[in-house]
Amino acid sequence: MKADICYTALKKVGNPNLLINLISRRVRQLNTDGGTGSRPLILPDVGMGLGDIALTELIEEKMSYELDEKPPEPKSAKKKRRRS
C-alpha cells in the first residue's frame, strides 16, 4: 500500500483501528470468489493492489461507513457471589 494514500484515508477517518476494519472488509469484498466479487467503485491505476483500491474508494467518498451511536458497555470484572 502506498503511504500517502494511507495517511490521507487516516485523516478522513480519524481512528486507525476503524480504518483497518473498513479497509480489510472492503478488500475481502473485492477478493471474494476468486476475484469475481464486488467490482471496484473507481477506475484503478496500473499496479494498484486491492488495499490501495479500497483506500482510494474511501478517500473519494465512493464508500462510506456508519458508527453505532452508543458504544458497547464494558464487561464487568469477576462478579462477587453473595454469601448466604
PDB file of N, CA and C in Angstrom:
ATOM      1  N   MET A   1       0.846  -1.180   0.000  1.00  0.00           N
ATOM      2  CA  MET A   1       0.000   0.000   0.000  1.00  0.00           C
ATOM      3  C   MET A   1       0.885   1.235   0.000  1.00  0.00           C
ATOM      4  N   LYS A   2       0.385   2.242  -0.598  1.00  0.00           N
ATOM      5  CA  LYS A   2       1.126   3.495  -0.681  1.00  0.00           C
ATOM      6  C   LYS A   2       0.876   4.325   0.576  1.00  0.00           C
ATOM      7  N   ALA A   3       1.960   4.846   1.133  1.00  0.00           N
ATOM      8  CA  ALA A   3       1.884   5.564   2.408  1.00  0.00           C
ATOM      9  C   ALA A   3       1.037   6.827   2.306  1.00  0.00           C
ATOM     10  N   ASP A   4       1.132   7.544   1.191  1.00  0.00           N
ATOM     11  CA  ASP A   4       0.373   8.792   1.073  1.00  0.00           C
ATOM     12  C   ASP A   4      -1.132   8.535   1.040  1.00  0.00           C
ATOM     13  N   ILE A   5      -1.541   7.434   0.413  1.00  0.00           N
ATOM     14  CA  ILE A   5      -2.962   7.096   0.382  1.00  0.00           C
ATOM     15  C   ILE A   5      -3.432   6.713   1.792  1.00  0.00           C
ATOM     16  N   CYS A   6      -2.615   5.954   2.504  1.00  0.00           N
ATOM     17  CA  CYS A   6      -2.956   5.561   3.880  1.00  0.00           C
ATOM     18  C   CYS A   6      -3.113   6.779   4.778  1.00  0.00           C
ATOM     19  N   TYR A   7      -2.178   7.712   4.665  1.00  0.00           N
ATOM     20  CA  TYR A   7      -2.215   8.912   5.507  1.00  0.00           C
ATOM     21  C   TYR A   7      -3.460   9.751   5.209  1.00  0.00           C
ATOM     22  N   THR A   8      -3.779   9.909   3.929  1.00  0.00           N
ATOM     23  CA  THR A   8      -4.963  10.691   3.553  1.00  0.00           C
ATOM     24  C   THR A   8      -6.243  10.033   4.071  1.00  0.00           C
ATOM     25  N   ALA A   9      -6.324   8.709   3.959  1.00  0.00           N
ATOM     26  CA  ALA A   9      -7.508   7.999   4.449  1.00  0.00           C
ATOM     27  C   ALA A   9      -7.605   8.092   5.967  1.00  0.00           C
ATOM     28  N   LEU A  10      -6.455   8.009   6.650  1.00  0.00           N
ATOM     29  CA  LEU A  10      -6.467   8.114   8.108  1.00  0.00           C
ATOM     30  C   LEU A  10      -6.951   9.489   8.552  1.00  0.00           C
ATOM     31  N   LYS A  11      -6.545  10.543   7.852  1.00  0.00           N
ATOM     32  CA  LYS A  11      -7.032  11.890   8.188  1.00  0.00           C
ATOM     33  C   LYS A  11      -8.540  11.971   8.000  1.00  0.00           C
ATOM     34  N   LYS A  12      -9.062  11.279   7.022  1.00  0.00           N
ATOM     35  CA  LYS A  12     -10.501  11.317   6.747  1.00  0.00           C
ATOM     36  C   LYS A  12     -11.295  10.559   7.819  1.00  0.00           C
ATOM     37  N   VAL A  13     -10.779   9.394   8.248  1.00  0.00           N
ATOM     38  CA  VAL A  13     -11.493   8.567   9.222  1.00  0.00           C
ATOM     39  C   VAL A  13     -11.186   8.997  10.651  1.00  0.00           C
ATOM     40  N   GLY A  14      -9.912   9.237  10.949  1.00  0.00           N
ATOM     41  CA  GLY A  14      -9.528   9.715  12.273  1.00  0.00           C
ATOM     42  C   GLY A  14      -9.082   8.637  13.248  1.00  0.00           C
ATOM     43  N   ASN A  15      -9.539   7.424  13.092  1.00  0.00           N
ATOM     44  CA  ASN A  15      -9.213   6.346  14.019  1.00  0.00           C
ATOM     45  C   ASN A  15      -8.530   5.220  13.251  1.00  0.00           C
ATOM     46  N   PRO A  16      -7.264   4.903  13.573  1.00  0.00           N
ATOM     47  CA  PRO A  16      -6.557   3.871  12.803  1.00  0.00           C
ATOM     48  C   PRO A  16      -7.196   2.488  12.899  1.00  0.00           C
ATOM     49  N   ASN A  17      -7.770   2.141  14.047  1.00  0.00           N
ATOM     50  CA  ASN A  17      -8.432   0.839  14.183  1.00  0.00           C
ATOM     51  C   ASN A  17      -9.662   0.743  13.291  1.00  0.00           C
ATOM     52  N   LEU A  18     -10.425   1.812  13.226  1.00  0.00           N
ATOM     53  CA  LEU A  18     -11.593   1.845  12.355  1.00  0.00           C
ATOM     54  C   LEU A  18     -11.174   1.753  10.894  1.00  0.00           C
ATOM     55  N   LEU A  19     -10.124   2.465  10.531  1.00  0.00           N
ATOM     56  CA  LEU A  19      -9.629   2.427   9.154  1.00  0.00           C
ATOM     57  C   LEU A  19      -9.228   1.013   8.757  1.00  0.00           C
ATOM     58  N   ILE A  20      -8.515   0.320   9.621  1.00  0.00           N
ATOM     59  CA  ILE A  20      -8.090  -1.056   9.332  1.00  0.00           C
ATOM     60  C   ILE A  20      -9.306  -1.953   9.118  1.00  0.00           C
ATOM     61  N   ASN A  21     -10.306  -1.815   9.972  1.00  0.00           N
ATOM     62  CA  ASN A  21     -11.510  -2.648   9.830  1.00  0.00           C
ATOM     63  C   ASN A  21     -12.262  -2.345   8.546  1.00  0.00           C
ATOM     64  N   LEU A  22     -12.395  -1.072   8.212  1.00  0.00           N
ATOM     65  CA  LEU A  22     -13.093  -0.694   6.984  1.00  0.00           C
ATOM     66  C   LEU A  22     -12.387  -1.245   5.752  1.00  0.00           C
ATOM     67  N   ILE A  23     -11.081  -1.031   5.700  1.00  0.00           N
ATOM     68  CA  ILE A  23     -10.327  -1.422   4.513  1.00  0.00           C
ATOM     69  C   ILE A  23     -10.245  -2.937   4.397  1.00  0.00           C
ATOM     70  N   SER A  24     -10.055  -3.633   5.504  1.00  0.00           N
ATOM     71  CA  SER A  24      -9.962  -5.089   5.416  1.00  0.00           C
ATOM     72  C   SER A  24     -11.287  -5.707   4.964  1.00  0.00           C
ATOM     73  N   ARG A  25     -12.391  -5.148   5.424  1.00  0.00           N
ATOM     74  CA  ARG A  25     -13.693  -5.653   4.993  1.00  0.00           C
ATOM     75  C   ARG A  25     -13.896  -5.412   3.495  1.00  0.00           C
ATOM     76  N   ARG A  26     -13.511  -4.235   3.026  1.00  0.00           N
ATOM     77  CA  ARG A  26     -13.672  -3.923   1.605  1.00  0.00           C
ATOM     78  C   ARG A  26     -12.754  -4.786   0.738  1.00  0.00           C
ATOM     79  N   VAL A  27     -11.528  -5.032   1.203  1.00  0.00           N
ATOM     80  CA  VAL A  27     -10.607  -5.893   0.455  1.00  0.00           C
ATOM     81  C   VAL A  27     -11.186  -7.301   0.354  1.00  0.00           C
ATOM     82  N   ARG A  28     -11.780  -7.797   1.437  1.00  0.00           N
ATOM     83  CA  ARG A  28     -12.422  -9.124   1.388  1.00  0.00           C
ATOM     84  C   ARG A  28     -13.547  -9.146   0.363  1.00  0.00           C
ATOM     85  N   GLN A  29     -14.326  -8.053   0.303  1.00  0.00           N
ATOM     86  CA  GLN A  29     -15.401  -7.982  -0.683  1.00  0.00           C
ATOM     87  C   GLN A  29     -14.844  -8.014  -2.100  1.00  0.00           C
ATOM     88  N   LEU A  30     -13.776  -7.275  -2.332  1.00  0.00           N
ATOM     89  CA  LEU A  30     -13.176  -7.233  -3.665  1.00  0.00           C
ATOM     90  C   LEU A  30     -12.540  -8.568  -4.045  1.00  0.00           C
ATOM     91  N   ASN A  31     -12.146  -9.341  -3.067  1.00  0.00           N
ATOM     92  CA  ASN A  31     -11.395 -10.566  -3.298  1.00  0.00           C
ATOM     93  C   ASN A  31     -12.237 -11.837  -3.237  1.00  0.00           C
ATOM     94  N   THR A  32     -13.529 -11.741  -2.981  1.00  0.00           N
ATOM     95  CA  THR A  32     -14.353 -12.934  -2.817  1.00  0.00           C
ATOM     96  C   THR A  32     -14.506 -13.701  -4.117  1.00  0.00           C
ATOM     97  N   ASP A  33     -14.736 -14.984  -3.987  1.00  0.00           N
ATOM     98  CA  ASP A  33     -14.988 -15.883  -5.120  1.00  0.00           C
ATOM     99  C   ASP A  33     -13.885 -15.833  -6.172  1.00  0.00           C
ATOM    100  N   GLY A  34     -12.647 -15.824  -5.729  1.00  0.00           N
ATOM    101  CA  GLY A  34     -11.529 -15.872  -6.664  1.00  0.00           C
ATOM    102  C   GLY A  34     -11.433 -14.664  -7.574  1.00  0.00           C
ATOM    103  N   GLY A  35     -11.808 -13.521  -7.059  1.00  0.00           N
ATOM    104  CA  GLY A  35     -11.697 -12.299  -7.853  1.00  0.00           C
ATOM    105  C   GLY A  35     -12.980 -11.907  -8.556  1.00  0.00           C
ATOM    106  N   THR A  36     -14.044 -12.683  -8.398  1.00  0.00           N
ATOM    107  CA  THR A  36     -15.301 -12.337  -9.051  1.00  0.00           C
ATOM    108  C   THR A  36     -16.274 -11.679  -8.088  1.00  0.00           C
ATOM    109  N   GLY A  37     -15.753 -11.139  -7.001  1.00  0.00           N
ATOM    110  CA  GLY A  37     -16.597 -10.480  -6.009  1.00  0.00           C
ATOM    111  C   GLY A  37     -17.037  -9.105  -6.483  1.00  0.00           C
ATOM    112  N   SER A  38     -17.135  -8.178  -5.586  1.00  0.00           N
ATOM    113  CA  SER A  38     -17.533  -6.825  -5.928  1.00  0.00           C
ATOM    114  C   SER A  38     -16.520  -6.204  -6.879  1.00  0.00           C
ATOM    115  N   ARG A  39     -17.006  -5.408  -7.768  1.00  0.00           N
ATOM    116  CA  ARG A  39     -16.110  -4.687  -8.673  1.00  0.00           C
ATOM    117  C   ARG A  39     -15.692  -3.388  -8.004  1.00  0.00           C
ATOM    118  N   PRO A  40     -14.508  -2.888  -8.331  1.00  0.00           N
ATOM    119  CA  PRO A  40     -14.064  -1.608  -7.756  1.00  0.00           C
ATOM    120  C   PRO A  40     -15.015  -0.477  -8.129  1.00  0.00           C
ATOM    121  N   LEU A  41     -15.168   0.451  -7.207  1.00  0.00           N
ATOM    122  CA  LEU A  41     -16.025   1.610  -7.435  1.00  0.00           C
ATOM    123  C   LEU A  41     -15.267   2.753  -8.100  1.00  0.00           C
ATOM    124  N   ILE A  42     -13.976   2.540  -8.351  1.00  0.00           N
ATOM    125  CA  ILE A  42     -13.138   3.523  -9.039  1.00  0.00           C
ATOM    126  C   ILE A  42     -12.461   2.814 -10.209  1.00  0.00           C
ATOM    127  N   LEU A  43     -11.869   3.575 -11.090  1.00  0.00           N
ATOM    128  CA  LEU A  43     -11.066   3.010 -12.160  1.00  0.00           C
ATOM    129  C   LEU A  43      -9.641   2.911 -11.646  1.00  0.00           C
ATOM    130  N   PRO A  44      -9.185   1.691 -11.304  1.00  0.00           N
ATOM    131  CA  PRO A  44      -7.864   1.565 -10.679  1.00  0.00           C
ATOM    132  C   PRO A  44      -6.730   1.842 -11.655  1.00  0.00           C
ATOM    133  N   ASP A  45      -5.658   2.430 -11.137  1.00  0.00           N
ATOM    134  CA  ASP A  45      -4.446   2.637 -11.915  1.00  0.00           C
ATOM    135  C   ASP A  45      -3.698   1.323 -12.013  1.00  0.00           C
ATOM    136  N   VAL A  46      -2.804   1.242 -12.983  1.00  0.00           N
ATOM    137  CA  VAL A  46      -1.979   0.047 -13.141  1.00  0.00           C
ATOM    138  C   VAL A  46      -1.113  -0.120 -11.895  1.00  0.00           C
ATOM    139  N   GLY A  47      -1.070  -1.319 -11.367  1.00  0.00           N
ATOM    140  CA  GLY A  47      -0.233  -1.613 -10.214  1.00  0.00           C
ATOM    141  C   GLY A  47      -0.877  -1.367  -8.866  1.00  0.00           C
ATOM    142  N   MET A  48      -2.131  -0.926  -8.848  1.00  0.00           N
ATOM    143  CA  MET A  48      -2.825  -0.728  -7.572  1.00  0.00           C
ATOM    144  C   MET A  48      -3.253  -2.072  -7.017  1.00  0.00           C
ATOM    145  N   GLY A  49      -2.959  -2.305  -5.750  1.00  0.00           N
ATOM    146  CA  GLY A  49      -3.442  -3.505  -5.082  1.00  0.00           C
ATOM    147  C   GLY A  49      -4.850  -3.285  -4.555  1.00  0.00           C
ATOM    148  N   LEU A  50      -5.432  -4.333  -4.020  1.00  0.00           N
ATOM    149  CA  LEU A  50      -6.796  -4.213  -3.500  1.00  0.00           C
ATOM    150  C   LEU A  50      -6.878  -3.246  -2.324  1.00  0.00           C
ATOM    151  N   GLY A  51      -5.820  -3.194  -1.507  1.00  0.00           N
ATOM    152  CA  GLY A  51      -5.795  -2.247  -0.398  1.00  0.00           C
ATOM    153  C   GLY A  51      -5.785  -0.808  -0.887  1.00  0.00           C
ATOM    154  N   ASP A  52      -4.996  -0.538  -1.915  1.00  0.00           N
ATOM    155  CA  ASP A  52      -4.958   0.814  -2.492  1.00  0.00           C
ATOM    156  C   ASP A  52      -6.304   1.190  -3.096  1.00  0.00           C
ATOM    157  N   ILE A  53      -6.943   0.225  -3.745  1.00  0.00           N
ATOM    158  CA  ILE A  53      -8.262   0.488  -4.331  1.00  0.00           C
ATOM    159  C   ILE A  53      -9.267   0.827  -3.231  1.00  0.00           C
ATOM    160  N   ALA A  54      -9.272   0.036  -2.167  1.00  0.00           N
ATOM    161  CA  ALA A  54     -10.212   0.278  -1.064  1.00  0.00           C
ATOM    162  C   ALA A  54      -9.955   1.628  -0.405  1.00  0.00           C
ATOM    163  N   LEU A  55      -8.681   1.966  -0.191  1.00  0.00           N
ATOM    164  CA  LEU A  55      -8.347   3.263   0.411  1.00  0.00           C
ATOM    165  C   LEU A  55      -8.788   4.409  -0.479  1.00  0.00           C
ATOM    166  N   THR A  56      -8.560   4.279  -1.783  1.00  0.00           N
ATOM    167  CA  THR A  56      -8.939   5.339  -2.722  1.00  0.00           C
ATOM    168  C   THR A  56     -10.449   5.487  -2.782  1.00  0.00           C
ATOM    169  N   GLU A  57     -11.181   4.378  -2.718  1.00  0.00           N
ATOM    170  CA  GLU A  57     -12.646   4.463  -2.687  1.00  0.00           C
ATOM    171  C   GLU A  57     -13.109   5.248  -1.469  1.00  0.00           C
ATOM    172  N   LEU A  58     -12.472   5.026  -0.341  1.00  0.00           N
ATOM    173  CA  LEU A  58     -12.827   5.748   0.877  1.00  0.00           C
ATOM    174  C   LEU A  58     -12.496   7.230   0.749  1.00  0.00           C
ATOM    175  N   ILE A  59     -11.312   7.543   0.236  1.00  0.00           N
ATOM    176  CA  ILE A  59     -10.882   8.934   0.086  1.00  0.00           C
ATOM    177  C   ILE A  59     -11.811   9.688  -0.856  1.00  0.00           C
ATOM    178  N   GLU A  60     -12.178   9.045  -1.970  1.00  0.00           N
ATOM    179  CA  GLU A  60     -13.031   9.703  -2.968  1.00  0.00           C
ATOM    180  C   GLU A  60     -14.514   9.605  -2.624  1.00  0.00           C
ATOM    181  N   GLU A  61     -14.818   9.126  -1.418  1.00  0.00           N
ATOM    182  CA  GLU A  61     -16.181   9.012  -0.902  1.00  0.00           C
ATOM    183  C   GLU A  61     -17.079   8.164  -1.791  1.00  0.00           C
ATOM    184  N   LYS A  62     -16.505   7.122  -2.383  1.00  0.00           N
ATOM    185  CA  LYS A  62     -17.291   6.160  -3.148  1.00  0.00           C
ATOM    186  C   LYS A  62     -17.886   5.116  -2.216  1.00  0.00           C
ATOM    187  N   MET A  63     -17.316   5.010  -1.025  1.00  0.00           N
ATOM    188  CA  MET A  63     -17.876   4.152   0.011  1.00  0.00           C
ATOM    189  C   MET A  63     -17.946   4.954   1.297  1.00  0.00           C
ATOM    190  N   SER A  64     -18.821   4.568   2.174  1.00  0.00           N
ATOM    191  CA  SER A  64     -18.964   5.284   3.440  1.00  0.00           C
ATOM    192  C   SER A  64     -19.095   4.271   4.564  1.00  0.00           C
ATOM    193  N   TYR A  65     -19.214   4.764   5.754  1.00  0.00           N
ATOM    194  CA  TYR A  65     -19.362   3.902   6.918  1.00  0.00           C
ATOM    195  C   TYR A  65     -20.255   4.601   7.917  1.00  0.00           C
ATOM    196  N   GLU A  66     -20.797   3.818   8.819  1.00  0.00           N
ATOM    197  CA  GLU A  66     -21.693   4.353   9.836  1.00  0.00           C
ATOM    198  C   GLU A  66     -21.308   3.746  11.175  1.00  0.00           C
ATOM    199  N   LEU A  67     -21.220   4.557  12.189  1.00  0.00           N
ATOM    200  CA  LEU A  67     -20.873   4.095  13.534  1.00  0.00           C
ATOM    201  C   LEU A  67     -22.128   3.967  14.380  1.00  0.00           C
ATOM    202  N   ASP A  68     -22.095   3.011  15.308  1.00  0.00           N
ATOM    203  CA  ASP A  68     -23.177   2.924  16.278  1.00  0.00           C
ATOM    204  C   ASP A  68     -23.122   4.157  17.162  1.00  0.00           C
ATOM    205  N   GLU A  69     -24.292   4.682  17.515  1.00  0.00           N
ATOM    206  CA  GLU A  69     -24.316   5.867  18.359  1.00  0.00           C
ATOM    207  C   GLU A  69     -23.889   5.561  19.778  1.00  0.00           C
ATOM    208  N   LYS A  70     -24.262   4.393  20.271  1.00  0.00           N
ATOM    209  CA  LYS A  70     -23.971   4.039  21.647  1.00  0.00           C
ATOM    210  C   LYS A  70     -22.844   3.001  21.666  1.00  0.00           C
ATOM    211  N   PRO A  71     -21.714   3.332  22.264  1.00  0.00           N
ATOM    212  CA  PRO A  71     -20.640   2.340  22.337  1.00  0.00           C
ATOM    213  C   PRO A  71     -21.032   1.206  23.273  1.00  0.00           C
ATOM    214  N   PRO A  72     -20.498   0.014  23.052  1.00  0.00           N
ATOM    215  CA  PRO A  72     -20.858  -1.105  23.928  1.00  0.00           C
ATOM    216  C   PRO A  72     -20.368  -0.874  25.348  1.00  0.00           C
ATOM    217  N   GLU A  73     -21.140  -1.391  26.290  1.00  0.00           N
ATOM    218  CA  GLU A  73     -20.755  -1.251  27.693  1.00  0.00           C
ATOM    219  C   GLU A  73     -19.624  -2.222  28.001  1.00  0.00           C
ATOM    220  N   PRO A  74     -18.645  -1.782  28.778  1.00  0.00           N
ATOM    221  CA  PRO A  74     -17.544  -2.696  29.104  1.00  0.00           C
ATOM    222  C   PRO A  74     -18.040  -3.835  29.976  1.00  0.00           C
ATOM    223  N   LYS A  75     -17.459  -5.001  29.772  1.00  0.00           N
ATOM    224  CA  LYS A  75     -17.826  -6.148  30.590  1.00  0.00           C
ATOM    225  C   LYS A  75     -17.227  -5.960  31.967  1.00  0.00           C
ATOM    226  N   SER A  76     -18.028  -6.240  32.967  1.00  0.00           N
ATOM    227  CA  SER A  76     -17.535  -6.084  34.323  1.00  0.00           C
ATOM    228  C   SER A  76     -16.559  -7.211  34.644  1.00  0.00           C
ATOM    229  N   ALA A  77     -15.732  -6.954  35.595  1.00  0.00           N
ATOM    230  CA  ALA A  77     -14.764  -7.963  36.040  1.00  0.00           C
ATOM    231  C   ALA A  77     -15.534  -9.094  36.713  1.00  0.00           C
ATOM    232  N   LYS A  78     -14.866  -9.902  37.384  1.00  0.00           N
ATOM    233  CA  LYS A  78     -15.478 -11.047  38.055  1.00  0.00           C
ATOM    234  C   LYS A  78     -16.586 -10.586  39.009  1.00  0.00           C
ATOM    235  N   LYS A  79     -17.742 -11.202  38.876  1.00  0.00           N
ATOM    236  CA  LYS A  79     -18.850 -10.851  39.743  1.00  0.00           C
ATOM    237  C   LYS A  79     -18.650 -11.499  41.096  1.00  0.00           C
ATOM    238  N   LYS A  80     -18.934 -10.747  42.147  1.00  0.00           N
ATOM    239  CA  LYS A  80     -18.811 -11.276  43.505  1.00  0.00           C
ATOM    240  C   LYS A  80     -20.088 -12.044  43.840  1.00  0.00           C
ATOM    241  N   ARG A  81     -19.893 -13.193  44.419  1.00  0.00           N
ATOM    242  CA  ARG A  81     -21.014 -14.005  44.842  1.00  0.00           C
ATOM    243  C   ARG A  81     -21.421 -13.611  46.249  1.00  0.00           C
ATOM    244  N   ARG A  82     -22.708 -13.546  46.451  1.00  0.00           N
ATOM    245  CA  ARG A  82     -23.206 -13.222  47.783  1.00  0.00           C
ATOM    246  C   ARG A  82     -23.205 -14.478  48.618  1.00  0.00           C
ATOM    247  N   ARG A  83     -22.766 -14.324  49.833  1.00  0.00           N
ATOM    248  CA  ARG A  83     -22.779 -15.460  50.756  1.00  0.00           C
ATOM    249  C   ARG A  83     -24.058 -15.417  51.563  1.00  0.00           C
ATOM    250  N   SER A  84     -24.662 -16.559  51.698  1.00  0.00           N
ATOM    251  CA  SER A  84     -25.932 -16.636  52.430  1.00  0.00           C
ATOM    252  C   SER A  84     -25.699 -17.052  53.863  1.00  0.00           C
TER     253      SER A  84
END
